[in-house]
Amino acid sequence: MKDISLILGGARSGKSTFAEKIALAYNGKVTYFATADCRDDEMKKRIEAHRSRRPKEWALWEGDPLSLPQAAAGTSGLILLDCLTMWLTRLFLSYPQAEGGDESAWAVCEREIAALVRSLCEGISDDTSLVIVSNEVGFGLVPPYLMGRRFRDLQGRMNQLCAGYSKNVALIVAGCPLWVKGGCELRGDLS
């Protein structure tokens, strides 16, 4: 099994901070895969807050969403992907079928996105650790519109897919990790 950890949580749960602690404890090269798309001032401030917390020596990847799996495959050390939800959002919005229309057409799009997620998890080298930060969106209300439901369902399925590849899965609640899977070698000072 590849060295993959999935860090789940709700908005402002502390999931990114927790994942950063894992990266800080890593003895080797760290590459931060930033997936957010900066489209307004509020998102710019969020991105800047993340940047200010990161050590300057961490490498940074901010590329095209479709090239993320290939970039990860070519990276060694520890990859901190923050976050799966923003990456999925960018992929999701690239499909006009996300907004409506035929369910079978949307199913094809979702399979294409799942193939990219599989490619990410399967493509990392054996000497690479991957820490994936993701939102747990299934605890909220059912969105009242089709696009929202499609994204919520996509996010839940991709979280399950990543969890299947992961040695460690933690759900972060109020900054505290609840280990859902594995976690033994990560617990130490991080619990």
N, C-alpha and C. Protein backbone atom coordinates (compact mmCIF):
# COMPACT_ATOMS: atom_id res chain seq x y z
N MET A 1 0.85 -1.19 0.00
CA MET A 1 0.00 0.00 0.00
C MET A 1 0.89 1.24 0.00
N LYS A 2 0.56 2.20 -0.83
CA LYS A 2 1.30 3.46 -0.92
C LYS A 2 1.15 4.23 0.39
N ASP A 3 2.09 5.14 0.63
CA ASP A 3 2.07 5.95 1.85
C ASP A 3 1.19 7.17 1.62
N ILE A 4 -0.11 6.97 1.78
CA ILE A 4 -1.10 8.03 1.58
C ILE A 4 -1.88 8.23 2.87
N SER A 5 -2.07 9.50 3.23
CA SER A 5 -2.89 9.86 4.38
C SER A 5 -3.96 10.83 3.91
N LEU A 6 -5.19 10.58 4.32
CA LEU A 6 -6.32 11.45 3.99
C LEU A 6 -6.75 12.16 5.26
N ILE A 7 -6.76 13.49 5.21
CA ILE A 7 -7.14 14.31 6.35
C ILE A 7 -8.45 15.01 6.00
N LEU A 8 -9.52 14.57 6.63
CA LEU A 8 -10.88 15.08 6.36
C LEU A 8 -11.32 16.02 7.46
N GLY A 9 -12.23 16.91 7.13
CA GLY A 9 -12.83 17.77 8.14
C GLY A 9 -13.77 18.76 7.50
N GLY A 10 -14.54 19.40 8.33
CA GLY A 10 -15.45 20.44 7.87
C GLY A 10 -14.70 21.76 7.70
N ALA A 11 -15.43 22.79 7.32
CA ALA A 11 -14.85 24.12 7.18
C ALA A 11 -14.30 24.59 8.52
N ARG A 12 -13.09 25.09 8.48
CA ARG A 12 -12.42 25.63 9.67
C ARG A 12 -12.27 24.62 10.81
N SER A 13 -12.16 23.35 10.45
CA SER A 13 -12.00 22.30 11.46
C SER A 13 -10.56 22.17 11.94
N GLY A 14 -9.61 22.72 11.19
CA GLY A 14 -8.20 22.57 11.52
C GLY A 14 -7.50 21.52 10.67
N LYS A 15 -8.16 21.06 9.62
CA LYS A 15 -7.60 19.97 8.80
C LYS A 15 -6.31 20.38 8.10
N SER A 16 -6.24 21.59 7.56
CA SER A 16 -5.01 22.03 6.88
C SER A 16 -3.87 22.19 7.88
N THR A 17 -4.16 22.78 9.02
CA THR A 17 -3.14 22.94 10.06
C THR A 17 -2.62 21.59 10.51
N PHE A 18 -3.52 20.62 10.68
CA PHE A 18 -3.10 19.28 11.08
C PHE A 18 -2.22 18.64 10.01
N ALA A 19 -2.61 18.76 8.75
CA ALA A 19 -1.81 18.20 7.66
C ALA A 19 -0.44 18.87 7.60
N GLU A 20 -0.40 20.16 7.86
CA GLU A 20 0.88 20.87 7.87
C GLU A 20 1.78 20.35 9.00
N LYS A 21 1.20 19.97 10.14
CA LYS A 21 2.00 19.38 11.22
C LYS A 21 2.65 18.07 10.76
N ILE A 22 1.90 17.28 10.01
CA ILE A 22 2.47 16.03 9.47
C ILE A 22 3.65 16.37 8.56
N ALA A 23 3.47 17.35 7.69
CA ALA A 23 4.54 17.75 6.77
C ALA A 23 5.74 18.31 7.52
N LEU A 24 5.50 19.10 8.55
CA LEU A 24 6.60 19.67 9.34
C LEU A 24 7.41 18.58 10.04
N ALA A 25 6.75 17.50 10.42
CA ALA A 25 7.44 16.40 11.10
C ALA A 25 8.20 15.50 10.13
N TYR A 26 7.96 15.65 8.84
CA TYR A 26 8.61 14.82 7.82
C TYR A 26 10.07 15.23 7.68
N ASN A 27 10.94 14.25 7.60
CA ASN A 27 12.37 14.50 7.47
C ASN A 27 12.76 14.36 6.01
N GLY A 28 12.55 15.40 5.23
CA GLY A 28 12.87 15.36 3.82
C GLY A 28 12.17 16.48 3.07
N LYS A 29 12.24 16.39 1.74
CA LYS A 29 11.67 17.41 0.87
C LYS A 29 10.14 17.39 0.96
N VAL A 30 9.53 18.58 1.09
CA VAL A 30 8.08 18.74 1.11
C VAL A 30 7.68 19.62 -0.08
N THR A 31 6.68 19.16 -0.82
CA THR A 31 6.12 19.95 -1.91
C THR A 31 4.64 20.18 -1.63
N TYR A 32 4.26 21.44 -1.60
CA TYR A 32 2.87 21.83 -1.33
C TYR A 32 2.15 21.96 -2.66
N PHE A 33 1.12 21.15 -2.88
CA PHE A 33 0.29 21.24 -4.07
C PHE A 33 -0.92 22.10 -3.73
N ALA A 34 -0.90 23.35 -4.19
CA ALA A 34 -1.98 24.30 -3.92
C ALA A 34 -2.98 24.22 -5.06
N THR A 35 -4.23 23.96 -4.73
CA THR A 35 -5.23 23.70 -5.77
C THR A 35 -6.30 24.78 -5.90
N ALA A 36 -6.27 25.77 -5.04
CA ALA A 36 -7.31 26.81 -5.07
C ALA A 36 -7.17 27.68 -6.31
N ASP A 37 -8.29 28.18 -6.75
CA ASP A 37 -8.36 29.10 -7.88
C ASP A 37 -8.73 30.46 -7.30
N CYS A 38 -7.83 31.41 -7.38
CA CYS A 38 -8.05 32.73 -6.77
C CYS A 38 -8.89 33.60 -7.69
N ARG A 39 -10.17 33.76 -7.33
CA ARG A 39 -11.09 34.54 -8.16
C ARG A 39 -11.64 35.79 -7.49
N ASP A 40 -11.35 35.98 -6.19
CA ASP A 40 -11.85 37.18 -5.51
C ASP A 40 -10.94 37.52 -4.34
N ASP A 41 -11.17 38.67 -3.73
CA ASP A 41 -10.31 39.15 -2.65
C ASP A 41 -10.35 38.25 -1.42
N GLU A 42 -11.53 37.70 -1.12
CA GLU A 42 -11.65 36.83 0.06
C GLU A 42 -10.79 35.58 -0.13
N MET A 43 -10.82 34.97 -1.32
CA MET A 43 -10.00 33.78 -1.56
C MET A 43 -8.52 34.16 -1.57
N LYS A 44 -8.20 35.32 -2.06
CA LYS A 44 -6.81 35.80 -2.05
C LYS A 44 -6.29 35.86 -0.61
N LYS A 45 -7.12 36.33 0.32
CA LYS A 45 -6.73 36.40 1.74
C LYS A 45 -6.55 35.00 2.33
N ARG A 46 -7.42 34.07 1.96
CA ARG A 46 -7.29 32.69 2.45
C ARG A 46 -5.98 32.07 1.96
N ILE A 47 -5.69 32.27 0.68
CA ILE A 47 -4.46 31.73 0.11
C ILE A 47 -3.25 32.34 0.80
N GLU A 48 -3.29 33.63 1.03
CA GLU A 48 -2.17 34.30 1.70
C GLU A 48 -1.97 33.78 3.12
N ALA A 49 -3.05 33.49 3.83
CA ALA A 49 -2.94 32.92 5.19
C ALA A 49 -2.24 31.56 5.15
N HIS A 50 -2.59 30.74 4.16
CA HIS A 50 -1.92 29.44 4.01
C HIS A 50 -0.44 29.64 3.68
N ARG A 51 -0.15 30.56 2.78
CA ARG A 51 1.24 30.83 2.39
C ARG A 51 2.07 31.26 3.58
N SER A 52 1.51 32.14 4.40
CA SER A 52 2.28 32.68 5.52
C SER A 52 2.62 31.62 6.57
N ARG A 53 1.84 30.55 6.64
CA ARG A 53 2.12 29.47 7.60
C ARG A 53 3.19 28.51 7.11
N ARG A 54 3.38 28.44 5.81
CA ARG A 54 4.29 27.44 5.24
C ARG A 54 5.75 27.86 5.34
N PRO A 55 6.61 26.90 5.65
CA PRO A 55 8.05 27.21 5.62
C PRO A 55 8.48 27.58 4.20
N LYS A 56 9.40 28.51 4.11
CA LYS A 56 9.88 29.00 2.81
C LYS A 56 10.58 27.90 2.01
N GLU A 57 11.14 26.91 2.70
CA GLU A 57 11.89 25.86 1.98
C GLU A 57 10.99 24.82 1.30
N TRP A 58 9.70 24.83 1.60
CA TRP A 58 8.80 23.90 0.92
C TRP A 58 8.65 24.32 -0.55
N ALA A 59 8.73 23.35 -1.43
CA ALA A 59 8.48 23.61 -2.85
C ALA A 59 6.98 23.83 -3.04
N LEU A 60 6.61 24.47 -4.14
CA LEU A 60 5.22 24.79 -4.40
C LEU A 60 4.84 24.38 -5.81
N TRP A 61 3.68 23.73 -5.94
CA TRP A 61 3.11 23.42 -7.25
C TRP A 61 1.74 24.10 -7.32
N GLU A 62 1.53 24.88 -8.38
CA GLU A 62 0.25 25.56 -8.61
C GLU A 62 -0.09 25.47 -10.10
N GLY A 63 -0.24 24.29 -10.60
CA GLY A 63 -0.44 24.11 -12.03
C GLY A 63 -1.87 23.89 -12.45
N ASP A 64 -2.00 23.49 -13.70
CA ASP A 64 -3.29 23.18 -14.29
C ASP A 64 -3.90 21.96 -13.60
N PRO A 65 -5.19 22.01 -13.26
CA PRO A 65 -5.81 20.88 -12.55
C PRO A 65 -5.66 19.53 -13.28
N LEU A 66 -5.70 19.54 -14.59
CA LEU A 66 -5.59 18.28 -15.33
C LEU A 66 -4.19 17.68 -15.24
N SER A 67 -3.18 18.50 -14.99
CA SER A 67 -1.80 18.00 -14.93
C SER A 67 -1.37 17.58 -13.53
N LEU A 68 -2.25 17.73 -12.54
CA LEU A 68 -1.88 17.42 -11.15
C LEU A 68 -1.39 15.97 -10.97
N PRO A 69 -2.08 14.95 -11.48
CA PRO A 69 -1.58 13.58 -11.26
C PRO A 69 -0.18 13.36 -11.84
N GLN A 70 0.10 13.92 -13.01
CA GLN A 70 1.42 13.76 -13.62
C GLN A 70 2.48 14.50 -12.80
N ALA A 71 2.14 15.68 -12.31
CA ALA A 71 3.09 16.43 -11.48
C ALA A 71 3.40 15.66 -10.20
N ALA A 72 2.38 15.08 -9.59
CA ALA A 72 2.60 14.29 -8.37
C ALA A 72 3.46 13.07 -8.65
N ALA A 73 3.24 12.43 -9.79
CA ALA A 73 4.02 11.24 -10.15
C ALA A 73 5.50 11.57 -10.30
N GLY A 74 5.79 12.81 -10.66
CA GLY A 74 7.18 13.22 -10.84
C GLY A 74 7.80 13.88 -9.62
N THR A 75 7.13 13.82 -8.48
CA THR A 75 7.59 14.47 -7.26
C THR A 75 7.96 13.42 -6.22
N SER A 76 9.11 13.61 -5.58
CA SER A 76 9.50 12.70 -4.49
C SER A 76 9.46 13.46 -3.17
N GLY A 77 9.60 12.72 -2.08
CA GLY A 77 9.51 13.32 -0.75
C GLY A 77 8.09 13.24 -0.25
N LEU A 78 7.60 14.32 0.34
CA LEU A 78 6.23 14.38 0.83
C LEU A 78 5.46 15.42 0.03
N ILE A 79 4.30 15.03 -0.47
CA ILE A 79 3.39 15.95 -1.15
C ILE A 79 2.25 16.25 -0.20
N LEU A 80 2.02 17.53 0.03
CA LEU A 80 0.85 17.97 0.80
C LEU A 80 -0.12 18.59 -0.19
N LEU A 81 -1.21 17.90 -0.48
CA LEU A 81 -2.23 18.35 -1.42
C LEU A 81 -3.33 19.06 -0.64
N ASP A 82 -3.41 20.36 -0.79
CA ASP A 82 -4.41 21.15 -0.07
C ASP A 82 -5.14 22.03 -1.08
N CYS A 83 -6.31 21.63 -1.50
CA CYS A 83 -7.02 20.48 -1.00
C CYS A 83 -7.74 19.76 -2.15
N LEU A 84 -8.15 18.54 -1.87
CA LEU A 84 -8.88 17.74 -2.84
C LEU A 84 -10.17 18.44 -3.26
N THR A 85 -10.84 19.07 -2.33
CA THR A 85 -12.12 19.73 -2.63
C THR A 85 -11.96 20.84 -3.65
N MET A 86 -10.92 21.65 -3.50
CA MET A 86 -10.70 22.73 -4.46
C MET A 86 -10.29 22.17 -5.82
N TRP A 87 -9.50 21.11 -5.82
CA TRP A 87 -9.12 20.47 -7.09
C TRP A 87 -10.37 19.92 -7.77
N LEU A 88 -11.21 19.20 -7.01
CA LEU A 88 -12.45 18.66 -7.58
C LEU A 88 -13.36 19.78 -8.08
N THR A 89 -13.42 20.88 -7.36
CA THR A 89 -14.26 22.01 -7.78
C THR A 89 -13.82 22.51 -9.15
N ARG A 90 -12.52 22.67 -9.32
CA ARG A 90 -12.02 23.16 -10.61
C ARG A 90 -12.31 22.16 -11.73
N LEU A 91 -12.14 20.87 -11.43
CA LEU A 91 -12.45 19.85 -12.45
C LEU A 91 -13.95 19.85 -12.74
N PHE A 92 -14.75 19.84 -11.69
CA PHE A 92 -16.21 19.80 -11.80
C PHE A 92 -16.73 20.94 -12.66
N LEU A 93 -16.25 22.14 -12.40
CA LEU A 93 -16.73 23.31 -13.13
C LEU A 93 -16.27 23.35 -14.59
N SER A 94 -15.31 22.51 -14.92
CA SER A 94 -14.85 22.46 -16.31
C SER A 94 -15.81 21.67 -17.20
N TYR A 95 -16.79 20.98 -16.58
CA TYR A 95 -17.76 20.18 -17.33
C TYR A 95 -19.10 20.92 -17.38
N PRO A 96 -19.58 21.27 -18.58
CA PRO A 96 -20.90 21.90 -18.66
C PRO A 96 -22.02 20.99 -18.15
N GLN A 97 -21.81 19.67 -18.19
CA GLN A 97 -22.82 18.72 -17.73
C GLN A 97 -23.05 18.80 -16.22
N ALA A 98 -22.14 19.44 -15.48
CA ALA A 98 -22.29 19.55 -14.03
C ALA A 98 -23.54 20.33 -13.64
N GLU A 99 -23.95 21.27 -14.47
CA GLU A 99 -25.08 22.14 -14.14
C GLU A 99 -26.43 21.53 -14.41
N GLY A 100 -26.51 20.53 -15.23
CA GLY A 100 -27.82 19.98 -15.51
C GLY A 100 -27.75 18.95 -16.63
N GLY A 101 -28.90 18.57 -17.05
CA GLY A 101 -28.97 17.64 -18.16
C GLY A 101 -28.98 16.19 -17.74
N ASP A 102 -28.67 15.41 -18.67
CA ASP A 102 -28.77 13.96 -18.60
C ASP A 102 -27.84 13.35 -17.55
N GLU A 103 -28.39 12.47 -16.72
CA GLU A 103 -27.60 11.80 -15.68
C GLU A 103 -26.51 10.90 -16.28
N SER A 104 -26.81 10.25 -17.39
CA SER A 104 -25.79 9.37 -17.98
C SER A 104 -24.62 10.18 -18.52
N ALA A 105 -24.87 11.38 -19.05
CA ALA A 105 -23.78 12.24 -19.51
C ALA A 105 -22.94 12.70 -18.33
N TRP A 106 -23.60 13.04 -17.20
CA TRP A 106 -22.86 13.44 -16.01
C TRP A 106 -22.04 12.26 -15.46
N ALA A 107 -22.60 11.05 -15.53
CA ALA A 107 -21.89 9.86 -15.03
C ALA A 107 -20.56 9.67 -15.77
N VAL A 108 -20.54 9.95 -17.07
CA VAL A 108 -19.30 9.86 -17.85
C VAL A 108 -18.28 10.87 -17.32
N CYS A 109 -18.73 12.08 -17.06
CA CYS A 109 -17.84 13.12 -16.51
C CYS A 109 -17.28 12.70 -15.16
N GLU A 110 -18.15 12.16 -14.31
CA GLU A 110 -17.70 11.73 -12.98
C GLU A 110 -16.67 10.61 -13.08
N ARG A 111 -16.85 9.71 -14.03
CA ARG A 111 -15.85 8.64 -14.23
C ARG A 111 -14.50 9.21 -14.67
N GLU A 112 -14.54 10.25 -15.49
CA GLU A 112 -13.29 10.90 -15.91
C GLU A 112 -12.58 11.54 -14.73
N ILE A 113 -13.33 12.18 -13.86
CA ILE A 113 -12.75 12.80 -12.66
C ILE A 113 -12.19 11.71 -11.75
N ALA A 114 -12.94 10.62 -11.56
CA ALA A 114 -12.47 9.51 -10.72
C ALA A 114 -11.17 8.92 -11.29
N ALA A 115 -11.06 8.87 -12.60
CA ALA A 115 -9.83 8.35 -13.21
C ALA A 115 -8.63 9.24 -12.87
N LEU A 116 -8.85 10.56 -12.81
CA LEU A 116 -7.77 11.47 -12.42
C LEU A 116 -7.37 11.25 -10.96
N VAL A 117 -8.37 11.06 -10.10
CA VAL A 117 -8.08 10.81 -8.68
C VAL A 117 -7.33 9.49 -8.51
N ARG A 118 -7.76 8.45 -9.22
CA ARG A 118 -7.05 7.17 -9.20
C ARG A 118 -5.61 7.33 -9.69
N SER A 119 -5.46 8.08 -10.76
CA SER A 119 -4.13 8.32 -11.32
C SER A 119 -3.22 9.02 -10.31
N LEU A 120 -3.77 9.96 -9.56
CA LEU A 120 -3.01 10.62 -8.50
C LEU A 120 -2.53 9.60 -7.48
N CYS A 121 -3.46 8.82 -6.94
CA CYS A 121 -3.13 7.88 -5.86
C CYS A 121 -2.24 6.74 -6.32
N GLU A 122 -2.45 6.25 -7.52
CA GLU A 122 -1.65 5.13 -8.03
C GLU A 122 -0.33 5.58 -8.61
N GLY A 123 -0.24 6.84 -9.01
CA GLY A 123 0.93 7.30 -9.75
C GLY A 123 2.11 7.75 -8.92
N ILE A 124 1.90 8.00 -7.62
CA ILE A 124 3.04 8.45 -6.82
C ILE A 124 4.04 7.32 -6.68
N SER A 125 5.30 7.69 -6.60
CA SER A 125 6.35 6.67 -6.50
C SER A 125 6.39 6.08 -5.09
N ASP A 126 7.06 4.95 -4.96
CA ASP A 126 7.14 4.27 -3.67
C ASP A 126 7.91 5.07 -2.63
N ASP A 127 8.74 6.03 -3.07
CA ASP A 127 9.50 6.84 -2.12
C ASP A 127 8.81 8.18 -1.82
N THR A 128 7.53 8.27 -2.17
CA THR A 128 6.77 9.49 -1.95
C THR A 128 5.65 9.26 -0.94
N SER A 129 5.47 10.22 -0.05
CA SER A 129 4.33 10.22 0.87
C SER A 129 3.36 11.29 0.38
N LEU A 130 2.08 10.96 0.39
CA LEU A 130 1.05 11.89 -0.07
C LEU A 130 0.07 12.14 1.07
N VAL A 131 -0.09 13.40 1.43
CA VAL A 131 -1.06 13.81 2.45
C VAL A 131 -2.12 14.63 1.72
N ILE A 132 -3.34 14.12 1.73
CA ILE A 132 -4.46 14.76 1.03
C ILE A 132 -5.39 15.40 2.05
N VAL A 133 -5.62 16.70 1.91
CA VAL A 133 -6.59 17.41 2.75
C VAL A 133 -7.89 17.48 1.96
N SER A 134 -9.01 17.19 2.61
CA SER A 134 -10.30 17.21 1.92
C SER A 134 -11.42 17.58 2.87
N ASN A 135 -12.45 18.16 2.30
CA ASN A 135 -13.64 18.51 3.09
C ASN A 135 -14.58 17.32 3.21
N GLU A 136 -15.11 17.14 4.39
CA GLU A 136 -16.18 16.17 4.60
C GLU A 136 -17.48 16.94 4.46
N VAL A 137 -18.11 16.79 3.31
CA VAL A 137 -19.30 17.59 3.01
C VAL A 137 -20.60 16.83 3.25
N GLY A 138 -20.51 15.58 3.62
CA GLY A 138 -21.71 14.76 3.76
C GLY A 138 -22.49 14.96 5.05
N PHE A 139 -21.97 15.77 5.97
CA PHE A 139 -22.66 15.99 7.24
C PHE A 139 -23.71 17.10 7.14
N GLY A 140 -23.71 17.84 6.04
CA GLY A 140 -24.58 19.00 5.91
C GLY A 140 -25.92 18.65 5.30
N LEU A 141 -26.66 19.68 4.99
CA LEU A 141 -27.97 19.53 4.38
C LEU A 141 -27.84 19.07 2.93
N VAL A 142 -28.89 18.46 2.43
CA VAL A 142 -28.92 18.10 1.02
C VAL A 142 -29.12 19.39 0.23
N PRO A 143 -28.19 19.70 -0.71
CA PRO A 143 -28.35 20.93 -1.49
C PRO A 143 -29.69 20.93 -2.24
N PRO A 144 -30.33 22.08 -2.34
CA PRO A 144 -31.65 22.16 -2.98
C PRO A 144 -31.59 22.22 -4.51
N TYR A 145 -30.40 22.18 -5.09
CA TYR A 145 -30.28 22.28 -6.54
C TYR A 145 -29.36 21.17 -7.06
N LEU A 146 -29.59 20.79 -8.30
CA LEU A 146 -28.90 19.65 -8.91
C LEU A 146 -27.39 19.78 -8.88
N MET A 147 -26.86 20.92 -9.26
CA MET A 147 -25.41 21.10 -9.31
C MET A 147 -24.79 20.87 -7.92
N GLY A 148 -25.41 21.41 -6.90
CA GLY A 148 -24.92 21.21 -5.53
C GLY A 148 -24.95 19.76 -5.11
N ARG A 149 -26.03 19.05 -5.45
CA ARG A 149 -26.12 17.63 -5.11
C ARG A 149 -25.07 16.82 -5.87
N ARG A 150 -24.88 17.15 -7.13
CA ARG A 150 -23.87 16.43 -7.91
C ARG A 150 -22.48 16.62 -7.31
N PHE A 151 -22.16 17.86 -6.92
CA PHE A 151 -20.84 18.08 -6.34
C PHE A 151 -20.70 17.38 -4.99
N ARG A 152 -21.71 17.50 -4.15
CA ARG A 152 -21.66 16.83 -2.84
C ARG A 152 -21.45 15.34 -3.00
N ASP A 153 -22.16 14.72 -3.95
CA ASP A 153 -22.03 13.29 -4.19
C ASP A 153 -20.65 12.95 -4.75
N LEU A 154 -20.16 13.76 -5.69
CA LEU A 154 -18.82 13.56 -6.25
C LEU A 154 -17.78 13.63 -5.15
N GLN A 155 -17.86 14.65 -4.30
CA GLN A 155 -16.89 14.82 -3.22
C GLN A 155 -16.91 13.61 -2.29
N GLY A 156 -18.08 13.14 -1.92
CA GLY A 156 -18.18 11.98 -1.04
C GLY A 156 -17.58 10.73 -1.68
N ARG A 157 -17.86 10.52 -2.96
CA ARG A 157 -17.30 9.34 -3.63
C ARG A 157 -15.78 9.44 -3.79
N MET A 158 -15.26 10.63 -4.06
CA MET A 158 -13.81 10.78 -4.21
C MET A 158 -13.11 10.68 -2.86
N ASN A 159 -13.76 11.14 -1.79
CA ASN A 159 -13.20 10.91 -0.45
C ASN A 159 -13.10 9.41 -0.17
N GLN A 160 -14.16 8.67 -0.52
CA GLN A 160 -14.13 7.21 -0.33
C GLN A 160 -13.01 6.57 -1.16
N LEU A 161 -12.87 7.03 -2.39
CA LEU A 161 -11.82 6.49 -3.26
C LEU A 161 -10.44 6.72 -2.65
N CYS A 162 -10.19 7.96 -2.21
CA CYS A 162 -8.90 8.26 -1.59
C CYS A 162 -8.69 7.48 -0.29
N ALA A 163 -9.74 7.33 0.49
CA ALA A 163 -9.63 6.56 1.74
C ALA A 163 -9.25 5.11 1.45
N GLY A 164 -9.76 4.57 0.36
CA GLY A 164 -9.42 3.21 -0.03
C GLY A 164 -7.95 3.03 -0.33
N TYR A 165 -7.30 4.06 -0.85
CA TYR A 165 -5.88 4.03 -1.16
C TYR A 165 -5.01 4.38 0.05
N SER A 166 -5.62 4.91 1.10
CA SER A 166 -4.86 5.49 2.21
C SER A 166 -4.54 4.49 3.31
N LYS A 167 -3.33 4.61 3.86
CA LYS A 167 -2.95 3.86 5.06
C LYS A 167 -3.55 4.52 6.30
N ASN A 168 -3.70 5.84 6.24
CA ASN A 168 -4.16 6.63 7.38
C ASN A 168 -5.28 7.55 6.95
N VAL A 169 -6.35 7.59 7.76
CA VAL A 169 -7.44 8.54 7.53
C VAL A 169 -7.80 9.14 8.88
N ALA A 170 -7.80 10.48 8.93
CA ALA A 170 -8.19 11.18 10.15
C ALA A 170 -9.33 12.14 9.83
N LEU A 171 -10.29 12.19 10.72
CA LEU A 171 -11.36 13.18 10.66
C LEU A 171 -11.02 14.22 11.72
N ILE A 172 -10.86 15.46 11.29
CA ILE A 172 -10.50 16.53 12.21
C ILE A 172 -11.77 17.23 12.68
N VAL A 173 -11.95 17.28 14.00
CA VAL A 173 -13.10 17.93 14.61
C VAL A 173 -12.56 18.90 15.65
N ALA A 174 -12.85 20.19 15.48
CA ALA A 174 -12.39 21.23 16.41
C ALA A 174 -10.88 21.14 16.65
N GLY A 175 -10.14 20.86 15.57
CA GLY A 175 -8.69 20.79 15.65
C GLY A 175 -8.13 19.48 16.16
N CYS A 176 -8.99 18.55 16.54
CA CYS A 176 -8.55 17.28 17.11
C CYS A 176 -8.77 16.15 16.11
N PRO A 177 -7.76 15.27 15.95
CA PRO A 177 -7.91 14.16 15.00
C PRO A 177 -8.65 12.98 15.61
N LEU A 178 -9.60 12.47 14.88
CA LEU A 178 -10.23 11.19 15.19
C LEU A 178 -9.72 10.24 14.13
N TRP A 179 -8.93 9.25 14.52
CA TRP A 179 -8.33 8.34 13.55
C TRP A 179 -9.37 7.33 13.11
N VAL A 180 -9.71 7.37 11.85
CA VAL A 180 -10.70 6.49 11.26
C VAL A 180 -10.03 5.23 10.73
N LYS A 181 -8.79 5.37 10.30
CA LYS A 181 -8.03 4.26 9.73
C LYS A 181 -6.55 4.50 10.00
N GLY A 182 -5.84 3.49 10.50
CA GLY A 182 -4.40 3.60 10.71
C GLY A 182 -4.06 4.69 11.70
N GLY A 183 -3.03 5.44 11.35
CA GLY A 183 -2.62 6.57 12.17
C GLY A 183 -1.59 6.26 13.22
N CYS A 184 -1.28 4.98 13.42
CA CYS A 184 -0.37 4.59 14.50
C CYS A 184 0.96 5.32 14.42
N GLU A 185 1.59 5.35 13.22
CA GLU A 185 2.90 5.99 13.11
C GLU A 185 2.81 7.51 13.08
N LEU A 186 1.62 8.06 12.92
CA LEU A 186 1.46 9.51 12.87
C LEU A 186 1.02 10.11 14.19
N ARG A 187 0.53 9.31 15.10
CA ARG A 187 -0.09 9.85 16.31
C ARG A 187 0.86 10.70 17.12
N GLY A 188 1.93 10.17 17.60
CA GLY A 188 2.97 10.91 18.32
C GLY A 188 2.52 12.25 18.85
N ASP A 189 3.23 13.30 18.43
CA ASP A 189 2.93 14.67 18.88
C ASP A 189 1.75 15.28 18.13
N LEU A 190 1.20 14.57 17.16
CA LEU A 190 0.16 15.14 16.34
C LEU A 190 -1.23 14.96 16.92
N SER A 191 -1.43 14.01 17.84
CA SER A 191 -2.78 13.71 18.36
C SER A 191 -3.34 14.87 19.15
